[in-house]
Amino acid sequence: MESGTNRFCQNGGCTAKLGQAALKRVLEKLPRMENENLLVGYSHGDDGAVYRLSEDLAVIHTLDFFPPVVEDPRLFGQIAAANALSDIYAMGGDVTTALNIVCFPETMDLNILGEILAGGSEKVRESGGILAGGHSIADEGIKYGLSVCGTVSPARMFQNHTCREGDALLLTKPLGVGIVCAASRLQAASGDSFDLAVTSMRTLNRKASEILRKYQVHACTDVTGFGLLGHLGEMVEEHHTAVLEQNQIPYIPKCEEYTEEFYLTAAGQRNRNHMQERVEFGGAPFYMEELLFDPQTSGGLLACLDPEEAEKALEEIENLGLPCGIIGTIEKKREKSIYVR
């Protein structure tokens, strides 16, 4: 597969998300809705809402949609669906049902919409869930995604902010998707790097999540539009510090070259503006800084486990075929939230 000719792909995927700083200013003004059965709301920026139905069963609810990130409509549908479904897996759950969310211009060829929806349907079926309907509106641009429901045991659900001192950080997919897609839009991405980015984005996090559930996961999230550092910042909050080993961080080859040519995203720079005061880079090269700020579309799971369990889980996750690794540790709170060495 080669990078395309920019028929409708402008600045899509998770690069289209609002920045963390802007969202925080809005959300902190909303009244908190308390309920004893609402186990997870939006207080910690977690991946989905969790509502307890019984002692042994809770429902996870999430949604995600965005503009095209690649030129092929069917592939775009697959990626957008995989990205939305990922939130269920980041919570340790299983997908049950999904609803399409569609914005589409009335003047555009409806065959394109058909291909997008077909791609999304393929991924919902792969997840084991049921595509049960949806909602569409006429719009000036294309946007697609899913509202997804899943189930989880309240005792086994994953949350993003419950890491422990001494945990190892395991990342299940490579970084660099935003950088590669930026290069692709300017027809500067190599076939190999673009293919790996596409393979990563269209790969469900289902198998990685099922592997992690064999172990005692202390915290988990998926890495998407806020970049690795933004989502890791939500994990450690003000209670811990994360130390990253830059030589252990998996990323798509040639991202060094693309960052040298400044094939970057506005979202990546918003992530930098929001997080840079909380991070000590310790001499890390420019390309590594950009990879850590880079917004990921349908990125990997970032999980916190005891080091021995993380090594065992990594052995299984490596067999899934994507670059992955144990990228750092959780330590007691220091001056900065994150250190890169």
Protein backbone atom coordinates (compact mmCIF):
# COMPACT_ATOMS: atom_id res chain seq x y z
CA MET A 1 0.00 0.00 0.00
CA GLU A 2 1.33 3.47 -0.86
CA SER A 3 0.37 6.84 0.52
CA GLY A 4 -2.51 8.29 -1.43
CA THR A 5 -3.43 11.30 -3.53
CA ASN A 6 -5.38 13.26 -0.91
CA ARG A 7 -8.91 12.88 -2.23
CA PHE A 8 -10.52 13.73 1.10
CA CYS A 9 -7.91 13.19 3.81
CA GLN A 10 -6.93 16.53 5.34
CA ASN A 11 -6.09 16.40 9.04
CA GLY A 12 -7.95 13.46 10.47
CA GLY A 13 -7.74 10.70 13.01
CA CYS A 14 -6.97 11.59 16.59
CA THR A 15 -5.04 14.70 15.48
CA ALA A 16 -8.51 16.28 15.23
CA LYS A 17 -9.12 16.03 18.99
CA LEU A 18 -9.39 19.14 21.12
CA GLY A 19 -6.34 19.66 23.30
CA GLN A 20 -6.22 18.53 26.92
CA ALA A 21 -5.92 22.06 28.27
CA ALA A 22 -9.04 23.27 26.43
CA LEU A 23 -11.04 20.23 27.49
CA LYS A 24 -10.00 20.61 31.12
CA ARG A 25 -11.19 24.23 31.24
CA VAL A 26 -14.63 23.19 29.97
CA LEU A 27 -15.08 19.97 31.95
CA GLU A 28 -14.11 21.45 35.30
CA LYS A 29 -17.10 23.80 35.05
CA LEU A 30 -19.61 20.96 34.67
CA PRO A 31 -21.44 19.73 37.77
CA ARG A 32 -20.43 16.27 38.94
CA MET A 33 -23.22 13.71 38.73
CA GLU A 34 -22.77 11.31 41.60
CA ASN A 35 -24.26 7.81 41.64
CA GLU A 36 -23.14 4.79 43.64
CA ASN A 37 -23.34 2.61 40.53
CA LEU A 38 -21.29 4.96 38.34
CA LEU A 39 -17.92 3.33 38.92
CA VAL A 40 -16.01 5.42 36.36
CA GLY A 41 -17.01 8.85 35.07
CA TYR A 42 -14.93 11.65 33.57
CA SER A 43 -13.07 12.74 36.70
CA HIS A 44 -9.78 11.13 35.66
CA GLY A 45 -10.09 11.28 31.87
CA ASP A 46 -10.58 7.52 31.65
CA ASP A 47 -11.33 5.71 28.40
CA GLY A 48 -15.00 4.95 29.01
CA ALA A 49 -17.80 5.30 31.52
CA VAL A 50 -18.52 2.24 33.67
CA TYR A 51 -21.95 1.67 35.25
CA ARG A 52 -22.56 -1.25 37.61
CA LEU A 53 -25.62 -3.38 36.83
CA SER A 54 -24.98 -6.04 39.47
CA GLU A 55 -22.23 -7.26 41.76
CA ASP A 56 -20.60 -9.19 38.91
CA LEU A 57 -21.53 -7.14 35.84
CA ALA A 58 -20.96 -3.58 34.65
CA VAL A 59 -21.52 -1.89 31.30
CA ILE A 60 -18.82 0.21 29.60
CA HIS A 61 -19.99 3.03 27.33
CA THR A 62 -17.75 5.06 25.03
CA LEU A 63 -17.77 6.86 21.69
CA ASP A 64 -15.19 8.17 19.24
CA PHE A 65 -15.29 9.63 15.75
CA PHE A 66 -13.05 11.78 13.54
CA PRO A 67 -12.28 12.94 9.98
CA PRO A 68 -10.42 10.67 7.52
CA VAL A 69 -6.84 9.79 8.38
CA VAL A 70 -6.10 7.81 5.18
CA GLU A 71 -7.29 8.08 1.58
CA ASP A 72 -8.96 4.68 1.21
CA PRO A 73 -12.56 4.96 2.50
CA ARG A 74 -12.88 1.32 3.56
CA LEU A 75 -9.56 1.48 5.36
CA PHE A 76 -10.62 4.70 7.04
CA GLY A 77 -13.76 2.94 8.29
CA GLN A 78 -11.68 0.09 9.71
CA ILE A 79 -9.30 2.46 11.49
CA ALA A 80 -12.04 4.67 12.93
CA ALA A 81 -13.91 1.62 14.22
CA ALA A 82 -10.77 0.03 15.69
CA ASN A 83 -10.03 3.30 17.46
CA ALA A 84 -13.50 3.52 19.00
CA LEU A 85 -13.56 -0.16 20.00
CA SER A 86 -10.19 0.27 21.71
CA ASP A 87 -11.69 2.12 24.66
CA ILE A 88 -13.57 -1.01 25.69
CA TYR A 89 -10.35 -3.03 25.60
CA ALA A 90 -8.47 -0.35 27.54
CA MET A 91 -11.03 -0.84 30.34
CA GLY A 92 -10.52 -4.62 30.29
CA GLY A 93 -13.93 -5.31 28.76
CA ASP A 94 -15.59 -7.14 25.88
CA VAL A 95 -17.55 -5.43 23.10
CA THR A 96 -21.30 -6.09 22.93
CA THR A 97 -22.91 -3.56 20.58
CA ALA A 98 -21.92 -0.57 18.46
CA LEU A 99 -23.76 2.27 16.70
CA ASN A 100 -22.42 4.19 13.69
CA ILE A 101 -21.80 7.95 13.95
CA VAL A 102 -21.71 9.55 10.47
CA CYS A 103 -21.20 13.07 9.13
CA PHE A 104 -21.24 13.14 5.32
CA PRO A 105 -21.71 15.78 2.56
CA GLU A 106 -24.91 15.32 0.55
CA THR A 107 -23.00 16.26 -2.62
CA MET A 108 -20.41 13.48 -2.28
CA ASP A 109 -20.63 10.03 -3.89
CA LEU A 110 -22.59 7.76 -1.54
CA ASN A 111 -20.44 4.82 -2.65
CA ILE A 112 -17.68 6.37 -0.55
CA LEU A 113 -19.95 6.33 2.49
CA GLY A 114 -20.83 2.73 1.74
CA GLU A 115 -17.15 1.78 1.77
CA ILE A 116 -16.56 3.60 5.07
CA LEU A 117 -19.47 1.83 6.72
CA ALA A 118 -18.39 -1.53 5.32
CA GLY A 119 -14.92 -1.08 6.82
CA GLY A 120 -16.38 -0.19 10.19
CA SER A 121 -18.73 -3.16 10.08
CA GLU A 122 -15.82 -5.51 9.43
CA LYS A 123 -14.06 -4.39 12.60
CA VAL A 124 -17.19 -4.61 14.74
CA ARG A 125 -17.65 -8.20 13.58
CA GLU A 126 -13.98 -8.92 14.31
CA SER A 127 -14.50 -7.57 17.83
CA GLY A 128 -17.27 -10.09 18.44
CA GLY A 129 -19.82 -7.29 18.81
CA ILE A 130 -23.01 -6.46 16.93
CA LEU A 131 -23.48 -3.35 14.80
CA ALA A 132 -27.01 -2.37 15.82
CA GLY A 133 -27.71 0.94 14.04
CA GLY A 134 -26.48 4.50 14.12
CA HIS A 135 -27.10 8.16 13.32
CA SER A 136 -26.09 10.34 10.38
CA ILE A 137 -26.18 14.06 9.56
CA ALA A 138 -25.38 16.05 6.44
CA ASP A 139 -22.17 17.99 6.99
CA GLU A 140 -19.52 19.85 5.01
CA GLY A 141 -16.87 17.25 5.82
CA ILE A 142 -16.64 13.52 6.44
CA LYS A 143 -16.49 12.17 9.96
CA TYR A 144 -17.04 8.60 11.12
CA GLY A 145 -16.83 6.57 14.28
CA LEU A 146 -18.79 4.46 16.74
CA SER A 147 -20.65 4.61 20.00
CA VAL A 148 -19.74 1.34 21.71
CA CYS A 149 -21.07 -0.64 24.67
CA GLY A 150 -19.18 -3.42 26.40
CA THR A 151 -19.26 -5.45 29.57
CA VAL A 152 -16.76 -6.06 32.35
CA SER A 153 -16.67 -7.44 35.86
CA PRO A 154 -16.36 -4.52 38.31
CA ALA A 155 -13.66 -6.47 40.14
CA ARG A 156 -11.60 -6.91 36.95
CA MET A 157 -11.99 -3.61 35.13
CA PHE A 158 -8.93 -1.53 34.22
CA GLN A 159 -8.65 2.16 35.13
CA ASN A 160 -6.07 4.67 33.96
CA HIS A 161 -5.00 6.29 37.25
CA THR A 162 -4.48 3.33 39.61
CA CYS A 163 -0.79 2.59 38.95
CA ARG A 164 1.54 1.56 41.77
CA GLU A 165 5.10 2.44 42.66
CA GLY A 166 7.42 -0.17 41.14
CA ASP A 167 5.14 -1.01 38.21
CA ALA A 168 6.59 -1.63 34.77
CA LEU A 169 5.06 0.23 31.81
CA LEU A 170 4.17 -1.99 28.87
CA LEU A 171 3.25 -0.48 25.47
CA THR A 172 1.60 -2.81 22.93
CA LYS A 173 1.97 -0.81 19.66
CA PRO A 174 4.65 1.46 18.16
CA LEU A 175 4.53 5.26 18.29
CA GLY A 176 4.78 7.53 15.25
CA VAL A 177 1.41 7.14 13.53
CA GLY A 178 0.71 10.89 13.52
CA ILE A 179 4.14 11.72 12.14
CA VAL A 180 3.89 9.11 9.37
CA CYS A 181 0.41 10.26 8.37
CA ALA A 182 1.62 13.88 8.25
CA ALA A 183 4.44 12.79 5.92
CA SER A 184 1.96 10.76 3.87
CA ARG A 185 -0.29 13.77 3.29
CA LEU A 186 2.71 15.45 1.65
CA GLN A 187 3.55 12.23 -0.26
CA ALA A 188 6.83 11.91 1.64
CA ALA A 189 6.21 8.69 3.60
CA SER A 190 7.92 5.49 2.50
CA GLY A 191 5.75 2.52 1.61
CA ASP A 192 7.14 0.44 4.47
CA SER A 193 6.56 3.03 7.20
CA PHE A 194 3.09 3.86 5.89
CA ASP A 195 2.17 0.18 5.72
CA LEU A 196 3.27 -0.36 9.33
CA ALA A 197 1.31 2.70 10.46
CA VAL A 198 -1.82 1.43 8.70
CA THR A 199 -1.38 -2.10 10.07
CA SER A 200 -1.05 -0.69 13.58
CA MET A 201 -4.09 1.58 13.25
CA ARG A 202 -6.40 -1.10 11.85
CA THR A 203 -5.34 -3.74 14.41
CA LEU A 204 -7.82 -4.21 17.22
CA ASN A 205 -6.49 -4.07 20.77
CA ARG A 206 -8.69 -7.07 21.55
CA LYS A 207 -5.94 -9.71 21.64
CA ALA A 208 -3.55 -7.52 23.60
CA SER A 209 -6.28 -6.79 26.14
CA GLU A 210 -7.14 -10.49 26.46
CA ILE A 211 -3.48 -11.27 27.12
CA LEU A 212 -3.22 -8.56 29.76
CA ARG A 213 -6.29 -9.93 31.54
CA LYS A 214 -4.32 -13.07 32.38
CA TYR A 215 -2.19 -10.93 34.68
CA GLN A 216 -2.73 -8.46 37.53
CA VAL A 217 -2.96 -5.16 35.67
CA HIS A 218 -2.84 -2.21 38.07
CA ALA A 219 -3.71 0.47 35.49
CA CYS A 220 -4.31 0.68 31.75
CA THR A 221 -5.21 3.18 29.04
CA ASP A 222 -4.87 3.41 25.28
CA VAL A 223 -2.53 5.92 23.67
CA THR A 224 -4.46 8.16 21.29
CA GLY A 225 -4.74 11.87 20.53
CA PHE A 226 -2.98 13.22 23.62
CA GLY A 227 0.18 11.28 22.78
CA LEU A 228 2.08 8.93 25.07
CA LEU A 229 3.06 11.74 27.45
CA GLY A 230 -0.45 13.14 27.73
CA HIS A 231 -2.02 9.79 28.54
CA LEU A 232 0.86 8.84 30.83
CA GLY A 233 0.38 12.14 32.64
CA GLU A 234 -3.22 11.11 33.32
CA MET A 235 -1.94 7.79 34.70
CA VAL A 236 0.51 9.19 37.22
CA GLU A 237 -1.60 12.28 38.09
CA GLU A 238 0.02 14.06 41.08
CA HIS A 239 0.78 10.87 42.99
CA HIS A 240 3.60 9.18 41.05
CA THR A 241 6.39 9.81 38.55
CA ALA A 242 7.05 7.79 35.40
CA VAL A 243 10.59 7.16 34.17
CA LEU A 244 10.84 6.25 30.47
CA GLU A 245 13.77 4.46 28.84
CA GLN A 246 14.06 6.04 25.40
CA ASN A 247 15.99 3.09 23.94
CA GLN A 248 13.09 0.77 24.80
CA ILE A 249 10.32 2.81 23.18
CA PRO A 250 8.97 1.13 19.99
CA TYR A 251 8.31 3.40 17.03
CA ILE A 252 7.78 3.24 13.29
CA PRO A 253 11.07 3.35 11.33
CA LYS A 254 12.00 6.57 9.51
CA CYS A 255 10.19 8.79 11.98
CA GLU A 256 13.60 10.32 12.73
CA GLU A 257 13.82 11.47 9.10
CA TYR A 258 10.26 12.76 9.03
CA THR A 259 10.73 14.86 12.17
CA GLU A 260 13.93 16.34 10.72
CA GLU A 261 11.80 17.51 7.78
CA PHE A 262 9.19 18.80 10.27
CA TYR A 263 6.40 16.51 9.13
CA LEU A 264 4.59 17.21 12.38
CA THR A 265 1.01 17.89 13.47
CA ALA A 266 -0.66 20.84 15.17
CA ALA A 267 -2.08 18.37 17.69
CA GLY A 268 1.42 17.22 18.57
CA GLN A 269 2.40 20.80 19.30
CA ARG A 270 -0.73 21.28 21.45
CA ASN A 271 0.36 18.19 23.38
CA ARG A 272 3.81 19.70 23.82
CA ASN A 273 2.41 23.00 25.05
CA HIS A 274 0.23 21.20 27.59
CA MET A 275 2.78 18.70 28.94
CA GLN A 276 6.28 20.11 28.47
CA GLU A 277 6.52 21.68 31.93
CA ARG A 278 5.79 18.28 33.52
CA VAL A 279 8.51 16.41 31.59
CA GLU A 280 12.31 16.25 31.92
CA PHE A 281 13.80 14.95 28.67
CA GLY A 282 17.35 14.44 29.90
CA GLY A 283 19.03 15.05 26.55
CA ALA A 284 16.64 12.98 24.44
CA PRO A 285 16.94 13.88 20.74
CA PHE A 286 14.30 16.03 19.05
CA TYR A 287 12.73 13.12 17.19
CA MET A 288 12.17 11.25 20.46
CA GLU A 289 10.48 14.27 22.01
CA GLU A 290 8.17 14.50 19.00
CA LEU A 291 7.37 10.78 19.12
CA LEU A 292 6.36 11.10 22.76
CA PHE A 293 4.08 14.07 21.99
CA ASP A 294 2.81 12.57 18.73
CA PRO A 295 -0.99 12.00 18.63
CA GLN A 296 -1.75 8.35 17.94
CA THR A 297 -4.81 7.15 16.06
CA SER A 298 -5.93 3.71 17.26
CA GLY A 299 -2.74 3.46 19.32
CA GLY A 300 -1.62 0.69 21.63
CA LEU A 301 -2.51 -0.13 25.20
CA LEU A 302 -0.28 1.27 27.94
CA ALA A 303 -0.44 -1.00 30.99
CA CYS A 304 1.08 -0.97 34.47
CA LEU A 305 2.01 -4.36 35.97
CA ASP A 306 4.51 -5.88 38.34
CA PRO A 307 7.82 -6.21 36.42
CA GLU A 308 7.82 -10.03 36.36
CA GLU A 309 4.26 -10.16 35.07
CA ALA A 310 5.03 -7.45 32.51
CA GLU A 311 7.86 -9.59 31.09
CA LYS A 312 5.53 -12.59 30.77
CA ALA A 313 2.79 -10.53 29.14
CA LEU A 314 5.31 -8.97 26.74
CA GLU A 315 6.40 -12.41 25.51
CA GLU A 316 2.82 -13.12 24.46
CA ILE A 317 2.13 -9.67 23.02
CA GLU A 318 5.28 -9.79 20.89
CA ASN A 319 3.73 -12.75 19.07
CA LEU A 320 0.92 -10.48 17.84
CA GLY A 321 3.43 -9.06 15.37
CA LEU A 322 3.64 -5.33 16.12
CA PRO A 323 6.62 -3.54 17.72
CA CYS A 324 6.02 -3.33 21.46
CA GLY A 325 8.03 -3.14 24.66
CA ILE A 326 8.46 -2.44 28.35
CA ILE A 327 9.25 1.26 28.18
CA GLY A 328 9.73 2.38 31.75
CA THR A 329 8.69 2.24 35.39
CA ILE A 330 6.43 3.98 37.89
CA GLU A 331 8.31 5.55 40.79
CA LYS A 332 7.51 7.65 43.85
CA LYS A 333 6.57 11.26 43.19
CA ARG A 334 9.43 13.56 42.18
CA GLU A 335 9.58 17.15 40.95
CA LYS A 336 8.48 16.25 37.41
CA SER A 337 5.69 13.87 36.42
CA ILE A 338 7.76 12.15 33.72
CA TYR A 339 11.50 11.70 33.15
CA VAL A 340 13.05 10.40 29.92
CA ARG A 341 16.50 8.84 30.13
